[in-house]
PDB file of N, CA and C in Angstrom:
ATOM      1  N   MET A   1       0.854  -1.205   0.201  1.00  0.00           N
ATOM      2  CA  MET A   1      -0.288   0.111   0.061  1.00  0.00           C
ATOM      3  C   MET A   1       0.906   1.197   0.003  1.00  0.00           C
ATOM      4  N   SER A   2       0.435   2.352  -1.036  1.00  0.00           N
ATOM      5  CA  SER A   2       1.666   3.607  -1.167  1.00  0.00           C
ATOM      6  C   SER A   2       0.269   4.391  -0.563  1.00  0.00           C
ATOM      7  N   ALA A   3       0.827   5.212   0.326  1.00  0.00           N
ATOM      8  CA  ALA A   3      -0.607   6.241   0.799  1.00  0.00           C
ATOM      9  C   ALA A   3      -0.907   7.633  -0.121  1.00  0.00           C
ATOM     10  N   ASP A   4       0.199   7.709  -0.825  1.00  0.00           N
ATOM     11  CA  ASP A   4      -0.019   8.510  -1.860  1.00  0.00           C
ATOM     12  C   ASP A   4      -0.845   8.305  -3.428  1.00  0.00           C
ATOM     13  N   CYS A   5      -1.197   7.100  -3.468  1.00  0.00           N
ATOM     14  CA  CYS A   5      -1.169   6.542  -4.631  1.00  0.00           C
ATOM     15  C   CYS A   5      -3.053   6.004  -4.910  1.00  0.00           C
ATOM     16  N   LEU A   6      -3.408   6.404  -6.304  1.00  0.00           N
ATOM     17  CA  LEU A   6      -4.565   6.833  -6.254  1.00  0.00           C
ATOM     18  C   LEU A   6      -5.279   5.518  -5.846  1.00  0.00           C
ATOM     19  N   PHE A   7      -4.419   4.710  -6.879  1.00  0.00           N
ATOM     20  CA  PHE A   7      -5.355   3.003  -6.748  1.00  0.00           C
ATOM     21  C   PHE A   7      -5.208   2.990  -5.699  1.00  0.00           C
ATOM     22  N   CYS A   8      -4.316   2.476  -4.727  1.00  0.00           N
ATOM     23  CA  CYS A   8      -4.304   1.842  -3.589  1.00  0.00           C
ATOM     24  C   CYS A   8      -5.616   3.155  -2.381  1.00  0.00           C
ATOM     25  N   LYS A   9      -6.024   4.094  -3.051  1.00  0.00           N
ATOM     26  CA  LYS A   9      -6.835   4.318  -2.262  1.00  0.00           C
ATOM     27  C   LYS A   9      -8.618   4.404  -1.902  1.00  0.00           C
ATOM     28  N   ILE A  10      -8.461   3.607  -3.495  1.00  0.00           N
ATOM     29  CA  ILE A  10      -9.294   3.102  -4.513  1.00  0.00           C
ATOM     30  C   ILE A  10      -9.558   1.716  -3.508  1.00  0.00           C
ATOM     31  N   ILE A  11      -8.258   0.704  -3.191  1.00  0.00           N
ATOM     32  CA  ILE A  11      -8.466  -0.474  -3.041  1.00  0.00           C
ATOM     33  C   ILE A  11      -8.674  -0.520  -2.030  1.00  0.00           C
ATOM     34  N   ALA A  12      -8.427   0.530  -0.901  1.00  0.00           N
ATOM     35  CA  ALA A  12      -8.825   0.902   0.513  1.00  0.00           C
ATOM     36  C   ALA A  12     -10.394   1.302   0.809  1.00  0.00           C
ATOM     37  N   GLY A  13     -10.633   1.659  -0.277  1.00  0.00           N
ATOM     38  CA  GLY A  13     -12.510   2.337  -0.506  1.00  0.00           C
ATOM     39  C   GLY A  13     -12.243   3.799   0.273  1.00  0.00           C
ATOM     40  N   ASP A  14     -10.786   4.258   0.365  1.00  0.00           N
ATOM     41  CA  ASP A  14     -11.287   5.572   0.990  1.00  0.00           C
ATOM     42  C   ASP A  14     -11.485   6.386  -0.368  1.00  0.00           C
ATOM     43  N   ILE A  15     -11.998   6.170  -1.824  1.00  0.00           N
ATOM     44  CA  ILE A  15     -11.985   6.911  -2.966  1.00  0.00           C
ATOM     45  C   ILE A  15     -13.116   5.658  -3.217  1.00  0.00           C
ATOM     46  N   PRO A  16     -14.378   6.407  -4.046  1.00  0.00           N
ATOM     47  CA  PRO A  16     -15.371   5.561  -4.599  1.00  0.00           C
ATOM     48  C   PRO A  16     -14.760   5.209  -6.231  1.00  0.00           C
ATOM     49  N   ALA A  17     -15.407   4.495  -6.259  1.00  0.00           N
ATOM     50  CA  ALA A  17     -15.420   3.952  -7.748  1.00  0.00           C
ATOM     51  C   ALA A  17     -15.984   2.918  -8.283  1.00  0.00           C
ATOM     52  N   GLU A  18     -16.673   2.170  -8.981  1.00  0.00           N
ATOM     53  CA  GLU A  18     -17.686   1.885  -9.820  1.00  0.00           C
ATOM     54  C   GLU A  18     -16.817  -0.061  -9.867  1.00  0.00           C
ATOM     55  N   PHE A  19     -16.823  -0.691  -8.972  1.00  0.00           N
ATOM     56  CA  PHE A  19     -16.338  -2.344  -8.986  1.00  0.00           C
ATOM     57  C   PHE A  19     -17.266  -2.809  -9.766  1.00  0.00           C
ATOM     58  N   VAL A  20     -16.423  -3.689 -10.752  1.00  0.00           N
ATOM     59  CA  VAL A  20     -17.272  -4.638 -11.896  1.00  0.00           C
ATOM     60  C   VAL A  20     -16.159  -5.862 -11.193  1.00  0.00           C
ATOM     61  N   ALA A  21     -15.058  -6.529 -10.432  1.00  0.00           N
ATOM     62  CA  ALA A  21     -14.995  -7.828 -10.018  1.00  0.00           C
ATOM     63  C   ALA A  21     -13.924  -7.319  -8.602  1.00  0.00           C
ATOM     64  N   GLN A  22     -13.921  -8.279  -7.793  1.00  0.00           N
ATOM     65  CA  GLN A  22     -12.720  -7.948  -6.925  1.00  0.00           C
ATOM     66  C   GLN A  22     -12.552  -9.366  -5.810  1.00  0.00           C
ATOM     67  N   THR A  23     -11.382  -9.723  -6.683  1.00  0.00           N
ATOM     68  CA  THR A  23     -10.946 -11.216  -5.486  1.00  0.00           C
ATOM     69  C   THR A  23      -9.964 -11.052  -4.419  1.00  0.00           C
ATOM     70  N   ASP A  24      -9.542 -11.847  -3.716  1.00  0.00           N
ATOM     71  CA  ASP A  24      -8.212 -11.176  -2.134  1.00  0.00           C
ATOM     72  C   ASP A  24      -7.282 -11.001  -3.231  1.00  0.00           C
ATOM     73  N   ARG A  25      -7.015 -10.825  -4.521  1.00  0.00           N
ATOM     74  CA  ARG A  25      -5.480 -10.446  -4.953  1.00  0.00           C
ATOM     75  C   ARG A  25      -5.792  -8.824  -6.357  1.00  0.00           C
ATOM     76  N   VAL A  26      -7.101  -9.206  -7.157  1.00  0.00           N
ATOM     77  CA  VAL A  26      -7.522  -7.825  -7.799  1.00  0.00           C
ATOM     78  C   VAL A  26      -8.510  -7.578  -7.781  1.00  0.00           C
ATOM     79  N   VAL A  27      -8.727  -6.033  -7.671  1.00  0.00           N
ATOM     80  CA  VAL A  27      -9.706  -5.055  -7.792  1.00  0.00           C
ATOM     81  C   VAL A  27      -9.484  -4.754  -9.734  1.00  0.00           C
ATOM     82  N   ALA A  28     -11.016  -4.587 -10.219  1.00  0.00           N
ATOM     83  CA  ALA A  28     -11.162  -4.241 -11.739  1.00  0.00           C
ATOM     84  C   ALA A  28     -12.268  -2.560 -11.240  1.00  0.00           C
ATOM     85  N   PHE A  29     -11.968  -1.726 -12.057  1.00  0.00           N
ATOM     86  CA  PHE A  29     -13.395  -0.683 -11.688  1.00  0.00           C
ATOM     87  C   PHE A  29     -13.551   0.018 -12.641  1.00  0.00           C
ATOM     88  N   ARG A  30     -14.601   0.805 -13.327  1.00  0.00           N
ATOM     89  CA  ARG A  30     -14.384   1.671 -14.282  1.00  0.00           C
ATOM     90  C   ARG A  30     -13.708   2.587 -14.472  1.00  0.00           C
ATOM     91  N   ASP A  31     -13.203   2.783 -15.843  1.00  0.00           N
ATOM     92  CA  ASP A  31     -12.385   4.344 -16.081  1.00  0.00           C
ATOM     93  C   ASP A  31     -13.114   5.370 -15.463  1.00  0.00           C
ATOM     94  N   ILE A  32     -12.679   6.160 -15.251  1.00  0.00           N
ATOM     95  CA  ILE A  32     -13.570   7.959 -15.094  1.00  0.00           C
ATOM     96  C   ILE A  32     -13.822   8.372 -16.089  1.00  0.00           C
ATOM     97  N   SER A  33     -12.861   7.810 -17.338  1.00  0.00           N
ATOM     98  CA  SER A  33     -12.935   8.345 -18.668  1.00  0.00           C
ATOM     99  C   SER A  33     -12.453   7.870 -19.635  1.00  0.00           C
ATOM    100  N   PRO A  34     -13.809   6.844 -19.850  1.00  0.00           N
ATOM    101  CA  PRO A  34     -13.510   5.792 -20.675  1.00  0.00           C
ATOM    102  C   PRO A  34     -13.684   6.278 -22.002  1.00  0.00           C
ATOM    103  N   LYS A  35     -12.672   5.476 -22.441  1.00  0.00           N
ATOM    104  CA  LYS A  35     -12.550   5.477 -24.374  1.00  0.00           C
ATOM    105  C   LYS A  35     -13.154   4.276 -24.910  1.00  0.00           C
ATOM    106  N   ALA A  36     -13.959   3.182 -24.529  1.00  0.00           N
ATOM    107  CA  ALA A  36     -14.544   2.812 -25.738  1.00  0.00           C
ATOM    108  C   ALA A  36     -16.024   2.818 -24.790  1.00  0.00           C
ATOM    109  N   PRO A  37     -16.973   1.827 -24.922  1.00  0.00           N
ATOM    110  CA  PRO A  37     -18.212   1.311 -24.007  1.00  0.00           C
ATOM    111  C   PRO A  37     -18.133   0.863 -22.844  1.00  0.00           C
ATOM    112  N   VAL A  38     -16.991  -0.219 -23.014  1.00  0.00           N
ATOM    113  CA  VAL A  38     -16.247  -1.000 -21.624  1.00  0.00           C
ATOM    114  C   VAL A  38     -15.008  -0.637 -21.881  1.00  0.00           C
ATOM    115  N   HIS A  39     -14.904  -0.446 -20.739  1.00  0.00           N
ATOM    116  CA  HIS A  39     -13.001   0.182 -20.136  1.00  0.00           C
ATOM    117  C   HIS A  39     -13.202   0.472 -19.105  1.00  0.00           C
ATOM    118  N   VAL A  40     -12.293  -1.366 -18.128  1.00  0.00           N
ATOM    119  CA  VAL A  40     -12.335  -1.228 -17.149  1.00  0.00           C
ATOM    120  C   VAL A  40     -10.919  -1.671 -16.686  1.00  0.00           C
ATOM    121  N   LEU A  41     -10.422  -0.648 -15.941  1.00  0.00           N
ATOM    122  CA  LEU A  41      -8.766  -0.769 -14.964  1.00  0.00           C
ATOM    123  C   LEU A  41      -9.330  -2.290 -14.495  1.00  0.00           C
ATOM    124  N   VAL A  42      -8.138  -3.026 -14.690  1.00  0.00           N
ATOM    125  CA  VAL A  42      -8.000  -4.184 -13.482  1.00  0.00           C
ATOM    126  C   VAL A  42      -6.335  -3.968 -12.941  1.00  0.00           C
ATOM    127  N   VAL A  43      -6.474  -4.147 -11.592  1.00  0.00           N
ATOM    128  CA  VAL A  43      -5.348  -3.761 -10.680  1.00  0.00           C
ATOM    129  C   VAL A  43      -5.241  -4.562  -9.594  1.00  0.00           C
ATOM    130  N   PRO A  44      -3.747  -4.890  -9.629  1.00  0.00           N
ATOM    131  CA  PRO A  44      -3.220  -5.455  -8.764  1.00  0.00           C
ATOM    132  C   PRO A  44      -3.992  -5.559  -7.115  1.00  0.00           C
ATOM    133  N   ARG A  45      -3.922  -5.812  -6.061  1.00  0.00           N
ATOM    134  CA  ARG A  45      -4.142  -5.047  -4.762  1.00  0.00           C
ATOM    135  C   ARG A  45      -2.399  -4.735  -4.260  1.00  0.00           C
ATOM    136  N   THR A  46      -1.802  -5.543  -4.684  1.00  0.00           N
ATOM    137  CA  THR A  46       0.029  -4.601  -4.294  1.00  0.00           C
ATOM    138  C   THR A  46       0.326  -3.617  -4.750  1.00  0.00           C
ATOM    139  N   HIS A  47       0.638  -2.976  -3.861  1.00  0.00           N
ATOM    140  CA  HIS A  47       1.222  -1.727  -4.975  1.00  0.00           C
ATOM    141  C   HIS A  47       2.569  -1.932  -5.615  1.00  0.00           C
ATOM    142  N   VAL A  48       2.565  -2.041  -7.032  1.00  0.00           N
ATOM    143  CA  VAL A  48       4.049  -1.968  -7.868  1.00  0.00           C
ATOM    144  C   VAL A  48       3.644  -1.271  -8.768  1.00  0.00           C
ATOM    145  N   GLU A  49       4.734  -0.451  -9.427  1.00  0.00           N
ATOM    146  CA  GLU A  49       4.684   0.446 -10.220  1.00  0.00           C
ATOM    147  C   GLU A  49       4.001   0.048 -11.700  1.00  0.00           C
ATOM    148  N   ASN A  50       4.375  -0.734 -12.097  1.00  0.00           N
ATOM    149  CA  ASN A  50       3.862  -1.057 -13.769  1.00  0.00           C
ATOM    150  C   ASN A  50       3.891  -2.693 -14.267  1.00  0.00           C
ATOM    151  N   VAL A  51       3.548  -2.827 -14.802  1.00  0.00           N
ATOM    152  CA  VAL A  51       3.307  -4.118 -15.697  1.00  0.00           C
ATOM    153  C   VAL A  51       4.722  -5.209 -15.288  1.00  0.00           C
ATOM    154  N   ALA A  52       5.791  -4.778 -15.621  1.00  0.00           N
ATOM    155  CA  ALA A  52       6.877  -5.708 -15.617  1.00  0.00           C
ATOM    156  C   ALA A  52       7.447  -5.778 -14.164  1.00  0.00           C
ATOM    157  N   GLN A  53       6.811  -4.555 -12.978  1.00  0.00           N
ATOM    158  CA  GLN A  53       7.249  -5.291 -11.766  1.00  0.00           C
ATOM    159  C   GLN A  53       6.227  -5.988 -11.316  1.00  0.00           C
ATOM    160  N   ALA A  54       4.966  -5.890 -11.550  1.00  0.00           N
ATOM    161  CA  ALA A  54       4.303  -7.146 -11.041  1.00  0.00           C
ATOM    162  C   ALA A  54       4.738  -8.568 -11.822  1.00  0.00           C
ATOM    163  N   ALA A  55       5.103  -8.525 -12.203  1.00  0.00           N
ATOM    164  CA  ALA A  55       5.549  -9.687 -13.348  1.00  0.00           C
ATOM    165  C   ALA A  55       6.772 -10.423 -12.970  1.00  0.00           C
ATOM    166  N   ALA A  56       7.579  -9.824 -11.887  1.00  0.00           N
ATOM    167  CA  ALA A  56       9.206  -9.970 -11.284  1.00  0.00           C
ATOM    168  C   ALA A  56       8.167 -10.038 -10.099  1.00  0.00           C
ATOM    169  N   GLN A  57       7.589  -8.869  -9.545  1.00  0.00           N
ATOM    170  CA  GLN A  57       6.977  -9.142  -7.649  1.00  0.00           C
ATOM    171  C   GLN A  57       6.535 -10.043  -7.394  1.00  0.00           C
ATOM    172  N   VAL A  58       5.357  -9.747  -8.394  1.00  0.00           N
ATOM    173  CA  VAL A  58       4.183 -10.282  -7.946  1.00  0.00           C
ATOM    174  C   VAL A  58       3.179 -11.257  -9.352  1.00  0.00           C
ATOM    175  N   PRO A  59       3.785 -12.138  -9.722  1.00  0.00           N
ATOM    176  CA  PRO A  59       3.626 -12.576 -11.059  1.00  0.00           C
ATOM    177  C   PRO A  59       2.227 -13.657 -10.803  1.00  0.00           C
ATOM    178  N   GLU A  60       1.687 -14.350  -9.636  1.00  0.00           N
ATOM    179  CA  GLU A  60      -0.005 -14.735  -9.291  1.00  0.00           C
ATOM    180  C   GLU A  60      -0.766 -13.694  -9.275  1.00  0.00           C
ATOM    181  N   GLU A  61      -0.362 -12.074  -8.869  1.00  0.00           N
ATOM    182  CA  GLU A  61      -1.790 -11.321  -9.809  1.00  0.00           C
ATOM    183  C   GLU A  61      -2.016 -11.236 -10.522  1.00  0.00           C
ATOM    184  N   LEU A  62      -0.401 -10.949 -11.330  1.00  0.00           N
ATOM    185  CA  LEU A  62      -0.162 -10.979 -12.515  1.00  0.00           C
ATOM    186  C   LEU A  62      -1.555 -11.604 -13.410  1.00  0.00           C
ATOM    187  N   ALA A  63      -1.358 -13.037 -13.370  1.00  0.00           N
ATOM    188  CA  ALA A  63      -1.833 -14.101 -13.523  1.00  0.00           C
ATOM    189  C   ALA A  63      -3.528 -13.548 -13.744  1.00  0.00           C
ATOM    190  N   GLU A  64      -3.758 -13.553 -12.270  1.00  0.00           N
ATOM    191  CA  GLU A  64      -5.357 -13.418 -11.932  1.00  0.00           C
ATOM    192  C   GLU A  64      -5.852 -12.175 -12.662  1.00  0.00           C
ATOM    193  N   MET A  65      -5.067 -11.315 -12.437  1.00  0.00           N
ATOM    194  CA  MET A  65      -5.532  -9.721 -13.256  1.00  0.00           C
ATOM    195  C   MET A  65      -5.750 -10.578 -14.772  1.00  0.00           C
ATOM    196  N   ALA A  66      -5.234 -11.140 -15.787  1.00  0.00           N
ATOM    197  CA  ALA A  66      -5.587 -11.416 -16.719  1.00  0.00           C
ATOM    198  C   ALA A  66      -6.593 -12.082 -16.796  1.00  0.00           C
ATOM    199  N   GLN A  67      -6.506 -13.336 -15.881  1.00  0.00           N
ATOM    200  CA  GLN A  67      -8.638 -14.272 -15.745  1.00  0.00           C
ATOM    201  C   GLN A  67      -9.518 -13.298 -15.490  1.00  0.00           C
ATOM    202  N   VAL A  68      -9.137 -12.009 -14.818  1.00  0.00           N
ATOM    203  CA  VAL A  68     -10.765 -11.309 -14.687  1.00  0.00           C
ATOM    204  C   VAL A  68     -10.584 -10.398 -15.576  1.00  0.00           C
ATOM    205  N   ALA A  69      -9.417  -9.749 -16.221  1.00  0.00           N
ATOM    206  CA  ALA A  69      -9.885  -9.465 -17.708  1.00  0.00           C
ATOM    207  C   ALA A  69     -10.619 -10.163 -18.327  1.00  0.00           C
ATOM    208  N   GLN A  70     -10.874 -11.267 -18.613  1.00  0.00           N
ATOM    209  CA  GLN A  70     -10.876 -12.197 -19.455  1.00  0.00           C
ATOM    210  C   GLN A  70     -12.536 -12.284 -19.135  1.00  0.00           C
ATOM    211  N   GLN A  71     -12.647 -12.392 -17.746  1.00  0.00           N
ATOM    212  CA  GLN A  71     -13.946 -12.759 -17.426  1.00  0.00           C
ATOM    213  C   GLN A  71     -15.395 -11.664 -17.851  1.00  0.00           C
ATOM    214  N   ILE A  72     -14.201 -10.028 -17.631  1.00  0.00           N
ATOM    215  CA  ILE A  72     -14.970  -8.758 -17.385  1.00  0.00           C
ATOM    216  C   ILE A  72     -15.506  -9.087 -19.085  1.00  0.00           C
ATOM    217  N   ALA A  73     -14.391  -9.360 -20.002  1.00  0.00           N
ATOM    218  CA  ALA A  73     -14.682  -9.424 -21.582  1.00  0.00           C
ATOM    219  C   ALA A  73     -15.699 -10.407 -21.824  1.00  0.00           C
ATOM    220  N   ASP A  74     -15.866 -11.550 -21.301  1.00  0.00           N
ATOM    221  CA  ASP A  74     -16.651 -12.312 -21.506  1.00  0.00           C
ATOM    222  C   ASP A  74     -18.188 -11.781 -21.088  1.00  0.00           C
ATOM    223  N   ALA A  75     -18.214 -11.222 -20.233  1.00  0.00           N
ATOM    224  CA  ALA A  75     -19.169 -10.241 -19.254  1.00  0.00           C
ATOM    225  C   ALA A  75     -20.207  -9.662 -20.538  1.00  0.00           C
ATOM    226  N   GLU A  76     -19.143  -8.590 -20.682  1.00  0.00           N
ATOM    227  CA  GLU A  76     -19.317  -7.646 -21.461  1.00  0.00           C
ATOM    228  C   GLU A  76     -19.201  -6.879 -22.517  1.00  0.00           C
ATOM    229  N   CYS A  77     -17.857  -7.876 -23.237  1.00  0.00           N
ATOM    230  CA  CYS A  77     -17.693  -7.108 -24.799  1.00  0.00           C
ATOM    231  C   CYS A  77     -17.793  -8.851 -25.749  1.00  0.00           C
ATOM    232  N   ASP A  78     -18.373  -9.978 -25.383  1.00  0.00           N
ATOM    233  CA  ASP A  78     -18.502 -11.182 -26.058  1.00  0.00           C
ATOM    234  C   ASP A  78     -17.057 -11.725 -26.229  1.00  0.00           C
ATOM    235  N   GLY A  79     -16.466 -11.120 -25.132  1.00  0.00           N
ATOM    236  CA  GLY A  79     -14.909 -12.044 -24.948  1.00  0.00           C
ATOM    237  C   GLY A  79     -14.043 -11.711 -25.616  1.00  0.00           C
ATOM    238  N   GLN A  80     -14.124 -10.229 -26.523  1.00  0.00           N
ATOM    239  CA  GLN A  80     -13.330  -9.913 -27.308  1.00  0.00           C
ATOM    240  C   GLN A  80     -12.951  -8.392 -26.967  1.00  0.00           C
ATOM    241  N   TYR A  81     -11.576  -8.065 -26.579  1.00  0.00           N
ATOM    242  CA  TYR A  81     -11.273  -6.639 -25.484  1.00  0.00           C
ATOM    243  C   TYR A  81      -9.281  -6.379 -26.198  1.00  0.00           C
ATOM    244  N   ARG A  82      -9.472  -5.160 -25.994  1.00  0.00           N
ATOM    245  CA  ARG A  82      -7.722  -5.141 -25.707  1.00  0.00           C
ATOM    246  C   ARG A  82      -7.278  -4.833 -24.319  1.00  0.00           C
ATOM    247  N   TRP A  83      -6.311  -5.245 -24.121  1.00  0.00           N
ATOM    248  CA  TRP A  83      -5.932  -5.044 -23.150  1.00  0.00           C
ATOM    249  C   TRP A  83      -4.166  -4.552 -22.944  1.00  0.00           C
ATOM    250  N   ILE A  84      -4.613  -3.302 -22.336  1.00  0.00           N
ATOM    251  CA  ILE A  84      -3.453  -2.175 -22.006  1.00  0.00           C
ATOM    252  C   ILE A  84      -3.135  -2.116 -21.227  1.00  0.00           C
ATOM    253  N   PHE A  85      -1.527  -1.961 -21.013  1.00  0.00           N
ATOM    254  CA  PHE A  85      -0.562  -1.571 -19.999  1.00  0.00           C
ATOM    255  C   PHE A  85      -0.046  -0.237 -20.701  1.00  0.00           C
ATOM    256  N   ASN A  86       0.156   0.863 -20.232  1.00  0.00           N
ATOM    257  CA  ASN A  86       1.185   1.763 -20.224  1.00  0.00           C
ATOM    258  C   ASN A  86       2.127   1.435 -18.926  1.00  0.00           C
ATOM    259  N   THR A  87       3.175   2.028 -19.354  1.00  0.00           N
ATOM    260  CA  THR A  87       4.614   1.890 -18.513  1.00  0.00           C
ATOM    261  C   THR A  87       5.312   3.068 -19.182  1.00  0.00           C
ATOM    262  N   GLY A  88       5.377   3.759 -18.111  1.00  0.00           N
ATOM    263  CA  GLY A  88       6.457   5.189 -17.841  1.00  0.00           C
ATOM    264  C   GLY A  88       5.537   6.420 -18.119  1.00  0.00           C
ATOM    265  N   GLU A  89       5.409   7.190 -17.946  1.00  0.00           N
ATOM    266  CA  GLU A  89       4.690   8.406 -18.149  1.00  0.00           C
ATOM    267  C   GLU A  89       5.195   8.858 -19.529  1.00  0.00           C
ATOM    268  N   SER A  90       6.009   8.904 -20.076  1.00  0.00           N
ATOM    269  CA  SER A  90       5.708   9.223 -22.031  1.00  0.00           C
ATOM    270  C   SER A  90       4.862   8.406 -22.685  1.00  0.00           C
ATOM    271  N   ALA A  91       4.651   7.065 -22.103  1.00  0.00           N
ATOM    272  CA  ALA A  91       3.953   5.820 -22.964  1.00  0.00           C
ATOM    273  C   ALA A  91       2.421   6.496 -22.012  1.00  0.00           C
ATOM    274  N   GLY A  92       2.174   7.333 -21.310  1.00  0.00           N
ATOM    275  CA  GLY A  92       0.457   7.270 -21.028  1.00  0.00           C
ATOM    276  C   GLY A  92       0.403   6.551 -20.126  1.00  0.00           C
ATOM    277  N   GLN A  93       1.397   6.651 -18.861  1.00  0.00           N
ATOM    278  CA  GLN A  93       0.853   5.952 -17.040  1.00  0.00           C
ATOM    279  C   GLN A  93       0.846   7.482 -16.885  1.00  0.00           C
ATOM    280  N   SER A  94      -0.112   7.501 -16.177  1.00  0.00           N
ATOM    281  CA  SER A  94      -0.672   8.728 -15.407  1.00  0.00           C
ATOM    282  C   SER A  94      -0.562   8.255 -13.732  1.00  0.00           C
ATOM    283  N   VAL A  95      -1.573   6.492 -13.441  1.00  0.00           N
ATOM    284  CA  VAL A  95      -1.003   5.671 -12.007  1.00  0.00           C
ATOM    285  C   VAL A  95      -0.073   5.524 -11.948  1.00  0.00           C
ATOM    286  N   PHE A  96       0.936   5.753 -11.487  1.00  0.00           N
ATOM    287  CA  PHE A  96       2.122   4.843 -11.465  1.00  0.00           C
ATOM    288  C   PHE A  96       1.796   3.794 -10.235  1.00  0.00           C
ATOM    289  N   HIS A  97       0.995   2.721 -10.646  1.00  0.00           N
ATOM    290  CA  HIS A  97       0.281   1.493 -10.047  1.00  0.00           C
ATOM    291  C   HIS A  97       0.067   0.703 -10.903  1.00  0.00           C
ATOM    292  N   ALA A  98       0.442  -0.667 -11.040  1.00  0.00           N
ATOM    293  CA  ALA A  98       0.272  -1.156 -12.162  1.00  0.00           C
ATOM    294  C   ALA A  98      -1.594  -1.311 -12.382  1.00  0.00           C
ATOM    295  N   HIS A  99      -1.803  -1.349 -13.952  1.00  0.00           N
ATOM    296  CA  HIS A  99      -2.877  -1.248 -14.419  1.00  0.00           C
ATOM    297  C   HIS A  99      -3.051  -1.724 -15.545  1.00  0.00           C
ATOM    298  N   GLY A 100      -4.117  -3.054 -16.068  1.00  0.00           N
ATOM    299  CA  GLY A 100      -4.552  -3.197 -17.749  1.00  0.00           C
ATOM    300  C   GLY A 100      -5.983  -2.832 -17.911  1.00  0.00           C
ATOM    301  N   HIS A 101      -6.216  -1.538 -18.834  1.00  0.00           N
ATOM    302  CA  HIS A 101      -7.243  -1.175 -18.979  1.00  0.00           C
ATOM    303  C   HIS A 101      -7.823  -2.829 -20.533  1.00  0.00           C
ATOM    304  N   VAL A 102      -9.129  -2.830 -19.664  1.00  0.00           N
ATOM    305  CA  VAL A 102      -9.816  -3.395 -20.418  1.00  0.00           C
ATOM    306  C   VAL A 102     -10.457  -2.957 -21.608  1.00  0.00           C
ATOM    307  N   VAL A 103     -10.564  -3.039 -22.725  1.00  0.00           N
ATOM    308  CA  VAL A 103     -11.147  -1.854 -23.715  1.00  0.00           C
ATOM    309  C   VAL A 103     -11.443  -2.613 -24.502  1.00  0.00           C
ATOM    310  N   GLY A 104     -13.008  -2.093 -24.557  1.00  0.00           N
ATOM    311  CA  GLY A 104     -14.288  -2.966 -25.965  1.00  0.00           C
ATOM    312  C   GLY A 104     -15.624  -2.417 -25.729  1.00  0.00           C
ATOM    313  N   GLY A 105     -16.334  -3.373 -26.666  1.00  0.00           N
ATOM    314  CA  GLY A 105     -17.300  -3.478 -26.726  1.00  0.00           C
ATOM    315  C   GLY A 105     -18.211  -2.451 -27.984  1.00  0.00           C
ATOM    316  N   THR A 106     -16.865  -2.111 -28.510  1.00  0.00           N
ATOM    317  CA  THR A 106     -17.122  -1.328 -30.114  1.00  0.00           C
ATOM    318  C   THR A 106     -16.128  -2.125 -30.985  1.00  0.00           C
ATOM    319  N   PRO A 107     -16.145  -1.807 -32.528  1.00  0.00           N
ATOM    320  CA  PRO A 107     -14.982  -2.556 -33.294  1.00  0.00           C
ATOM    321  C   PRO A 107     -13.674  -1.611 -32.730  1.00  0.00           C
ATOM    322  N   LEU A 108     -12.575  -1.994 -32.519  1.00  0.00           N
ATOM    323  CA  LEU A 108     -11.477  -1.210 -32.468  1.00  0.00           C
ATOM    324  C   LEU A 108     -10.204  -1.409 -33.606  1.00  0.00           C
ATOM    325  N   GLY A 109     -10.272  -0.347 -34.088  1.00  0.00           N
ATOM    326  CA  GLY A 109      -8.931   0.084 -35.153  1.00  0.00           C
ATOM    327  C   GLY A 109      -7.494   0.280 -34.550  1.00  0.00           C
ATOM    328  N   TRP A 110      -6.759   0.268 -35.017  1.00  0.00           N
ATOM    329  CA  TRP A 110      -5.751   0.494 -34.909  1.00  0.00           C
ATOM    330  C   TRP A 110      -4.614   1.957 -35.579  1.00  0.00           C
ATOM    331  N   GLU A 111      -4.056   2.927 -34.475  1.00  0.00           N
ATOM    332  CA  GLU A 111      -3.787   4.132 -35.310  1.00  0.00           C
ATOM    333  C   GLU A 111      -2.436   3.533 -34.816  1.00  0.00           C
ATOM    334  N   PRO A 112      -1.130   3.711 -35.668  1.00  0.00           N
ATOM    335  CA  PRO A 112       0.170   3.923 -35.031  1.00  0.00           C
ATOM    336  C   PRO A 112       0.424   5.105 -35.203  1.00  0.00           C
ATOM    337  N   ALA A 113       1.389   5.178 -34.151  1.00  0.00           N
ATOM    338  CA  ALA A 113       2.175   6.487 -33.090  1.00  0.00           C
ATOM    339  C   ALA A 113       2.613   7.231 -34.254  1.00  0.00           C
TER     340      ALA A 113
END
């Protein structure tokens, strides 16, 4: 837990969120600025900065994140989705607590940078 982390505060219940799923290791909640009809953040309960740290330090939580992401996609977008991890500020990461964006519910194009 990090006292100044937005997602840690959401996990602790200090900041409200629309939870979609919760397990002992993972929480999932709707993005407050959705980019598609389905836009859910899947977050490990353990505070790690990014997906690489999650893989190294809490691989079981990262695996459970993948399972929860699939469950959300199955329930909300016929199992078809994009799972996005931004790592680093220049890549668009704004909260430095690992999280994967489950995005779907509409055809998703691809626009190269």
